[in-house]
Amino acid sequence: MDGAAGKCHRPFIAIIVNILYRLEINTSTMQYQIKMSGDPEQKLKQARELAAERGVTFIGDGTKGKFSGRIMGGRLNGFYRVENGILSITIIEKPLLTTWNMIEVQLREFLRS
């Protein structure tokens, strides 16, 4: 490819990536509901410790809270609530190239014991 032609395409690609990134961050949320067995407080404590090792911070208790950090090259933000043994997790920001399935796998890993 000609050097001049390459220069013309780079700004266009950067603009498209920027638009996709903004759409993904601003409009995408996902909620997960996970039935918890055992003591929810203990499970959340273990999840908090594992998440902290990976750069994610939890603020809250065994009934509700929020979390944020950097994973897989981008920001992760959300909140959680525990009611009647069901953990509801709402993700409000995730890295652009991270799929919702990848997020779910990580969440289940954090809560596994």
N, C-alpha and C. Protein backbone atom coordinates (compact mmCIF):
# COMPACT_ATOMS: atom_id res chain seq x y z
N MET A 1 0.84 -1.18 0.00
CA MET A 1 0.00 0.00 0.00
C MET A 1 0.89 1.24 0.00
N ASP A 2 0.50 2.20 -0.76
CA ASP A 2 1.21 3.48 -0.85
C ASP A 2 1.16 4.19 0.50
N GLY A 3 2.25 4.83 0.88
CA GLY A 3 2.31 5.54 2.16
C GLY A 3 1.24 6.59 2.28
N ALA A 4 0.97 7.34 1.22
CA ALA A 4 -0.06 8.38 1.26
C ALA A 4 -1.44 7.77 1.44
N ALA A 5 -1.70 6.66 0.76
CA ALA A 5 -3.01 6.01 0.88
C ALA A 5 -3.20 5.48 2.30
N GLY A 6 -2.15 4.92 2.86
CA GLY A 6 -2.23 4.42 4.23
C GLY A 6 -2.56 5.51 5.22
N LYS A 7 -2.00 6.70 5.00
CA LYS A 7 -2.27 7.83 5.90
C LYS A 7 -3.72 8.26 5.80
N CYS A 8 -4.31 8.16 4.62
CA CYS A 8 -5.71 8.55 4.45
C CYS A 8 -6.64 7.61 5.20
N HIS A 9 -6.33 6.32 5.23
CA HIS A 9 -7.21 5.35 5.87
C HIS A 9 -7.09 5.34 7.38
N ARG A 10 -5.94 5.66 7.93
CA ARG A 10 -5.75 5.59 9.38
C ARG A 10 -6.71 6.50 10.14
N PRO A 11 -6.88 7.77 9.77
CA PRO A 11 -7.83 8.61 10.52
C PRO A 11 -9.26 8.07 10.42
N PHE A 12 -9.64 7.57 9.26
CA PHE A 12 -10.98 7.02 9.09
C PHE A 12 -11.19 5.83 10.02
N ILE A 13 -10.24 4.93 10.07
CA ILE A 13 -10.33 3.76 10.94
C ILE A 13 -10.38 4.20 12.40
N ALA A 14 -9.56 5.17 12.76
CA ALA A 14 -9.56 5.67 14.14
C ALA A 14 -10.92 6.26 14.50
N ILE A 15 -11.54 6.96 13.59
CA ILE A 15 -12.87 7.55 13.84
C ILE A 15 -13.90 6.45 14.04
N ILE A 16 -13.88 5.43 13.19
CA ILE A 16 -14.83 4.32 13.32
C ILE A 16 -14.64 3.60 14.65
N VAL A 17 -13.41 3.30 15.01
CA VAL A 17 -13.13 2.63 16.29
C VAL A 17 -13.61 3.49 17.45
N ASN A 18 -13.37 4.78 17.38
CA ASN A 18 -13.80 5.70 18.44
C ASN A 18 -15.33 5.70 18.57
N ILE A 19 -16.03 5.74 17.44
CA ILE A 19 -17.50 5.71 17.47
C ILE A 19 -17.99 4.40 18.08
N LEU A 20 -17.44 3.28 17.63
CA LEU A 20 -17.85 1.99 18.17
C LEU A 20 -17.56 1.90 19.66
N TYR A 21 -16.42 2.41 20.08
CA TYR A 21 -16.06 2.40 21.50
C TYR A 21 -17.08 3.19 22.31
N ARG A 22 -17.42 4.38 21.84
CA ARG A 22 -18.38 5.22 22.57
C ARG A 22 -19.76 4.57 22.63
N LEU A 23 -20.20 3.98 21.54
CA LEU A 23 -21.48 3.29 21.54
C LEU A 23 -21.48 2.14 22.53
N GLU A 24 -20.41 1.37 22.53
CA GLU A 24 -20.30 0.21 23.42
C GLU A 24 -20.32 0.65 24.87
N ILE A 25 -19.56 1.67 25.21
CA ILE A 25 -19.48 2.13 26.60
C ILE A 25 -20.79 2.75 27.05
N ASN A 26 -21.39 3.59 26.21
CA ASN A 26 -22.53 4.38 26.64
C ASN A 26 -23.87 3.66 26.55
N THR A 27 -23.99 2.64 25.73
CA THR A 27 -25.30 2.02 25.55
C THR A 27 -25.35 0.57 26.02
N SER A 28 -24.24 -0.03 26.30
CA SER A 28 -24.26 -1.45 26.63
C SER A 28 -24.23 -1.68 28.13
N THR A 29 -25.25 -2.35 28.60
CA THR A 29 -25.24 -2.85 29.97
C THR A 29 -25.73 -4.29 29.91
N MET A 30 -25.37 -5.03 30.90
CA MET A 30 -25.81 -6.42 30.95
C MET A 30 -26.04 -6.78 32.40
N GLN A 31 -27.07 -7.56 32.63
CA GLN A 31 -27.35 -8.02 33.99
C GLN A 31 -27.25 -9.53 34.03
N TYR A 32 -26.61 -10.01 35.07
CA TYR A 32 -26.47 -11.45 35.31
C TYR A 32 -27.12 -11.75 36.64
N GLN A 33 -27.80 -12.89 36.71
CA GLN A 33 -28.36 -13.35 37.96
C GLN A 33 -27.80 -14.74 38.22
N ILE A 34 -27.19 -14.87 39.38
CA ILE A 34 -26.52 -16.12 39.73
C ILE A 34 -27.05 -16.59 41.08
N LYS A 35 -27.58 -17.81 41.10
CA LYS A 35 -28.05 -18.39 42.36
C LYS A 35 -26.83 -18.76 43.18
N MET A 36 -26.84 -18.30 44.42
CA MET A 36 -25.70 -18.53 45.30
C MET A 36 -26.03 -19.65 46.29
N SER A 37 -25.10 -20.57 46.42
CA SER A 37 -25.26 -21.59 47.45
C SER A 37 -24.28 -21.25 48.57
N GLY A 38 -24.63 -21.63 49.77
CA GLY A 38 -23.75 -21.31 50.90
C GLY A 38 -23.98 -19.89 51.40
N ASP A 39 -23.02 -19.40 52.11
CA ASP A 39 -23.10 -18.09 52.74
C ASP A 39 -22.74 -16.99 51.74
N PRO A 40 -23.70 -16.14 51.36
CA PRO A 40 -23.41 -15.07 50.39
C PRO A 40 -22.28 -14.14 50.84
N GLU A 41 -22.25 -13.83 52.12
CA GLU A 41 -21.20 -12.94 52.64
C GLU A 41 -19.82 -13.54 52.40
N GLN A 42 -19.68 -14.85 52.67
CA GLN A 42 -18.40 -15.53 52.47
C GLN A 42 -18.03 -15.58 50.99
N LYS A 43 -19.01 -15.89 50.14
CA LYS A 43 -18.76 -15.94 48.69
C LYS A 43 -18.29 -14.58 48.17
N LEU A 44 -18.97 -13.52 48.60
CA LEU A 44 -18.59 -12.18 48.16
C LEU A 44 -17.22 -11.79 48.69
N LYS A 45 -16.89 -12.24 49.88
CA LYS A 45 -15.56 -11.96 50.43
C LYS A 45 -14.49 -12.61 49.55
N GLN A 46 -14.71 -13.87 49.19
CA GLN A 46 -13.76 -14.57 48.31
C GLN A 46 -13.67 -13.90 46.95
N ALA A 47 -14.82 -13.49 46.41
CA ALA A 47 -14.84 -12.82 45.10
C ALA A 47 -14.08 -11.49 45.18
N ARG A 48 -14.29 -10.76 46.27
CA ARG A 48 -13.59 -9.48 46.48
C ARG A 48 -12.07 -9.68 46.48
N GLU A 49 -11.61 -10.70 47.19
CA GLU A 49 -10.17 -10.97 47.28
C GLU A 49 -9.59 -11.35 45.91
N LEU A 50 -10.28 -12.22 45.19
CA LEU A 50 -9.82 -12.63 43.87
C LEU A 50 -9.83 -11.45 42.90
N ALA A 51 -10.88 -10.65 42.96
CA ALA A 51 -10.98 -9.48 42.09
C ALA A 51 -9.87 -8.48 42.40
N ALA A 52 -9.57 -8.28 43.68
CA ALA A 52 -8.51 -7.35 44.07
C ALA A 52 -7.17 -7.77 43.50
N GLU A 53 -6.93 -9.07 43.45
CA GLU A 53 -5.68 -9.59 42.87
C GLU A 53 -5.59 -9.23 41.38
N ARG A 54 -6.73 -9.01 40.76
CA ARG A 54 -6.78 -8.69 39.33
C ARG A 54 -7.06 -7.22 39.05
N GLY A 55 -7.00 -6.39 40.10
CA GLY A 55 -7.14 -4.95 39.91
C GLY A 55 -8.55 -4.41 39.95
N VAL A 56 -9.50 -5.19 40.45
CA VAL A 56 -10.89 -4.74 40.55
C VAL A 56 -11.21 -4.48 42.02
N THR A 57 -11.80 -3.33 42.30
CA THR A 57 -12.12 -2.92 43.66
C THR A 57 -13.62 -3.04 43.92
N PHE A 58 -13.99 -3.65 45.03
CA PHE A 58 -15.37 -3.75 45.47
C PHE A 58 -15.60 -2.77 46.60
N ILE A 59 -16.73 -2.09 46.58
CA ILE A 59 -17.16 -1.25 47.70
C ILE A 59 -18.58 -1.70 48.03
N GLY A 60 -18.78 -2.21 49.22
CA GLY A 60 -20.10 -2.67 49.61
C GLY A 60 -20.03 -3.77 50.64
N ASP A 61 -21.15 -4.46 50.80
CA ASP A 61 -21.23 -5.52 51.81
C ASP A 61 -21.88 -6.76 51.20
N GLY A 62 -22.43 -7.62 52.04
CA GLY A 62 -23.02 -8.86 51.57
C GLY A 62 -24.39 -8.71 50.94
N THR A 63 -24.93 -7.48 50.92
CA THR A 63 -26.25 -7.28 50.33
C THR A 63 -26.23 -6.42 49.06
N LYS A 64 -25.30 -5.45 49.01
CA LYS A 64 -25.23 -4.60 47.82
C LYS A 64 -23.90 -3.87 47.77
N GLY A 65 -23.55 -3.40 46.59
CA GLY A 65 -22.31 -2.65 46.43
C GLY A 65 -22.01 -2.37 44.98
N LYS A 66 -20.81 -1.87 44.75
CA LYS A 66 -20.37 -1.57 43.38
C LYS A 66 -18.93 -2.02 43.22
N PHE A 67 -18.48 -2.09 41.98
CA PHE A 67 -17.11 -2.52 41.70
C PHE A 67 -16.61 -1.77 40.48
N SER A 68 -15.30 -1.65 40.41
CA SER A 68 -14.68 -1.00 39.25
C SER A 68 -13.22 -1.42 39.18
N GLY A 69 -12.67 -1.33 37.99
CA GLY A 69 -11.27 -1.66 37.80
C GLY A 69 -10.93 -1.79 36.33
N ARG A 70 -9.71 -2.22 36.08
CA ARG A 70 -9.26 -2.42 34.71
C ARG A 70 -9.07 -3.92 34.48
N ILE A 71 -9.71 -4.41 33.43
CA ILE A 71 -9.55 -5.81 33.04
C ILE A 71 -9.40 -5.88 31.53
N MET A 72 -8.67 -6.84 31.07
CA MET A 72 -8.56 -7.11 29.64
C MET A 72 -8.38 -5.84 28.81
N GLY A 73 -7.59 -4.92 29.32
CA GLY A 73 -7.26 -3.72 28.55
C GLY A 73 -8.27 -2.60 28.60
N GLY A 74 -9.22 -2.63 29.51
CA GLY A 74 -10.22 -1.56 29.58
C GLY A 74 -10.88 -1.49 30.94
N ARG A 75 -11.83 -0.57 31.07
CA ARG A 75 -12.53 -0.34 32.34
C ARG A 75 -13.70 -1.30 32.50
N LEU A 76 -13.90 -1.73 33.74
CA LEU A 76 -15.06 -2.52 34.12
C LEU A 76 -15.73 -1.80 35.29
N ASN A 77 -17.00 -1.52 35.16
CA ASN A 77 -17.77 -0.87 36.22
C ASN A 77 -19.13 -1.53 36.32
N GLY A 78 -19.62 -1.64 37.55
CA GLY A 78 -20.94 -2.20 37.74
C GLY A 78 -21.35 -2.17 39.20
N PHE A 79 -22.48 -2.79 39.46
CA PHE A 79 -22.96 -2.89 40.83
C PHE A 79 -23.64 -4.23 41.03
N TYR A 80 -23.86 -4.59 42.29
CA TYR A 80 -24.46 -5.88 42.60
C TYR A 80 -25.43 -5.75 43.76
N ARG A 81 -26.32 -6.73 43.85
CA ARG A 81 -27.28 -6.81 44.94
C ARG A 81 -27.56 -8.28 45.19
N VAL A 82 -27.70 -8.65 46.46
CA VAL A 82 -28.04 -10.02 46.83
C VAL A 82 -29.39 -10.00 47.52
N GLU A 83 -30.33 -10.78 46.97
CA GLU A 83 -31.65 -10.91 47.58
C GLU A 83 -32.11 -12.35 47.44
N ASN A 84 -32.53 -12.94 48.56
CA ASN A 84 -33.07 -14.31 48.57
C ASN A 84 -32.14 -15.32 47.90
N GLY A 85 -30.85 -15.19 48.14
CA GLY A 85 -29.88 -16.14 47.60
C GLY A 85 -29.55 -15.94 46.13
N ILE A 86 -30.04 -14.87 45.52
CA ILE A 86 -29.76 -14.56 44.12
C ILE A 86 -28.86 -13.33 44.06
N LEU A 87 -27.74 -13.48 43.39
CA LEU A 87 -26.81 -12.36 43.18
C LEU A 87 -27.13 -11.75 41.82
N SER A 88 -27.55 -10.49 41.83
CA SER A 88 -27.80 -9.75 40.59
C SER A 88 -26.63 -8.81 40.36
N ILE A 89 -25.99 -8.97 39.21
CA ILE A 89 -24.83 -8.14 38.86
C ILE A 89 -25.18 -7.38 37.59
N THR A 90 -25.00 -6.07 37.64
CA THR A 90 -25.23 -5.24 36.46
C THR A 90 -23.91 -4.62 36.04
N ILE A 91 -23.49 -4.91 34.83
CA ILE A 91 -22.27 -4.32 34.27
C ILE A 91 -22.69 -3.09 33.49
N ILE A 92 -22.11 -1.94 33.81
CA ILE A 92 -22.46 -0.71 33.10
C ILE A 92 -21.34 -0.21 32.19
N GLU A 93 -20.16 -0.80 32.33
CA GLU A 93 -19.04 -0.45 31.44
C GLU A 93 -18.11 -1.64 31.35
N LYS A 94 -17.68 -1.96 30.14
CA LYS A 94 -16.75 -3.06 29.94
C LYS A 94 -15.80 -2.70 28.81
N PRO A 95 -14.66 -3.37 28.74
CA PRO A 95 -13.74 -3.13 27.62
C PRO A 95 -14.40 -3.47 26.29
N LEU A 96 -14.12 -2.68 25.29
CA LEU A 96 -14.73 -2.83 23.97
C LEU A 96 -14.56 -4.22 23.39
N LEU A 97 -13.38 -4.78 23.47
CA LEU A 97 -13.11 -6.06 22.83
C LEU A 97 -13.40 -7.27 23.72
N THR A 98 -13.96 -7.03 24.88
CA THR A 98 -14.31 -8.10 25.80
C THR A 98 -15.78 -8.46 25.58
N THR A 99 -16.06 -9.73 25.28
CA THR A 99 -17.43 -10.14 25.04
C THR A 99 -18.18 -10.32 26.36
N TRP A 100 -19.51 -10.30 26.25
CA TRP A 100 -20.31 -10.52 27.45
C TRP A 100 -20.08 -11.93 27.99
N ASN A 101 -19.84 -12.88 27.11
CA ASN A 101 -19.56 -14.25 27.55
C ASN A 101 -18.28 -14.30 28.38
N MET A 102 -17.24 -13.56 27.95
CA MET A 102 -15.99 -13.52 28.71
C MET A 102 -16.23 -12.94 30.10
N ILE A 103 -17.07 -11.91 30.18
CA ILE A 103 -17.40 -11.30 31.47
C ILE A 103 -18.10 -12.33 32.36
N GLU A 104 -19.07 -13.04 31.80
CA GLU A 104 -19.82 -14.03 32.59
C GLU A 104 -18.91 -15.13 33.11
N VAL A 105 -18.00 -15.60 32.28
CA VAL A 105 -17.04 -16.63 32.72
C VAL A 105 -16.22 -16.13 33.90
N GLN A 106 -15.74 -14.89 33.82
CA GLN A 106 -14.96 -14.31 34.91
C GLN A 106 -15.80 -14.18 36.19
N LEU A 107 -17.05 -13.73 36.05
CA LEU A 107 -17.92 -13.58 37.22
C LEU A 107 -18.13 -14.93 37.91
N ARG A 108 -18.40 -15.94 37.13
CA ARG A 108 -18.61 -17.28 37.72
C ARG A 108 -17.35 -17.81 38.38
N GLU A 109 -16.19 -17.48 37.79
CA GLU A 109 -14.93 -17.89 38.40
C GLU A 109 -14.74 -17.21 39.75
N PHE A 110 -15.07 -15.92 39.83
CA PHE A 110 -14.93 -15.18 41.09
C PHE A 110 -15.81 -15.81 42.19
N LEU A 111 -16.97 -16.36 41.82
CA LEU A 111 -17.91 -16.85 42.81
C LEU A 111 -17.80 -18.35 43.07
N ARG A 112 -16.97 -19.02 42.30
CA ARG A 112 -16.79 -20.47 42.49
C ARG A 112 -15.99 -20.74 43.75
N SER A 113 -16.33 -21.83 44.41
CA SER A 113 -15.52 -22.21 45.58
C SER A 113 -15.42 -23.71 45.71
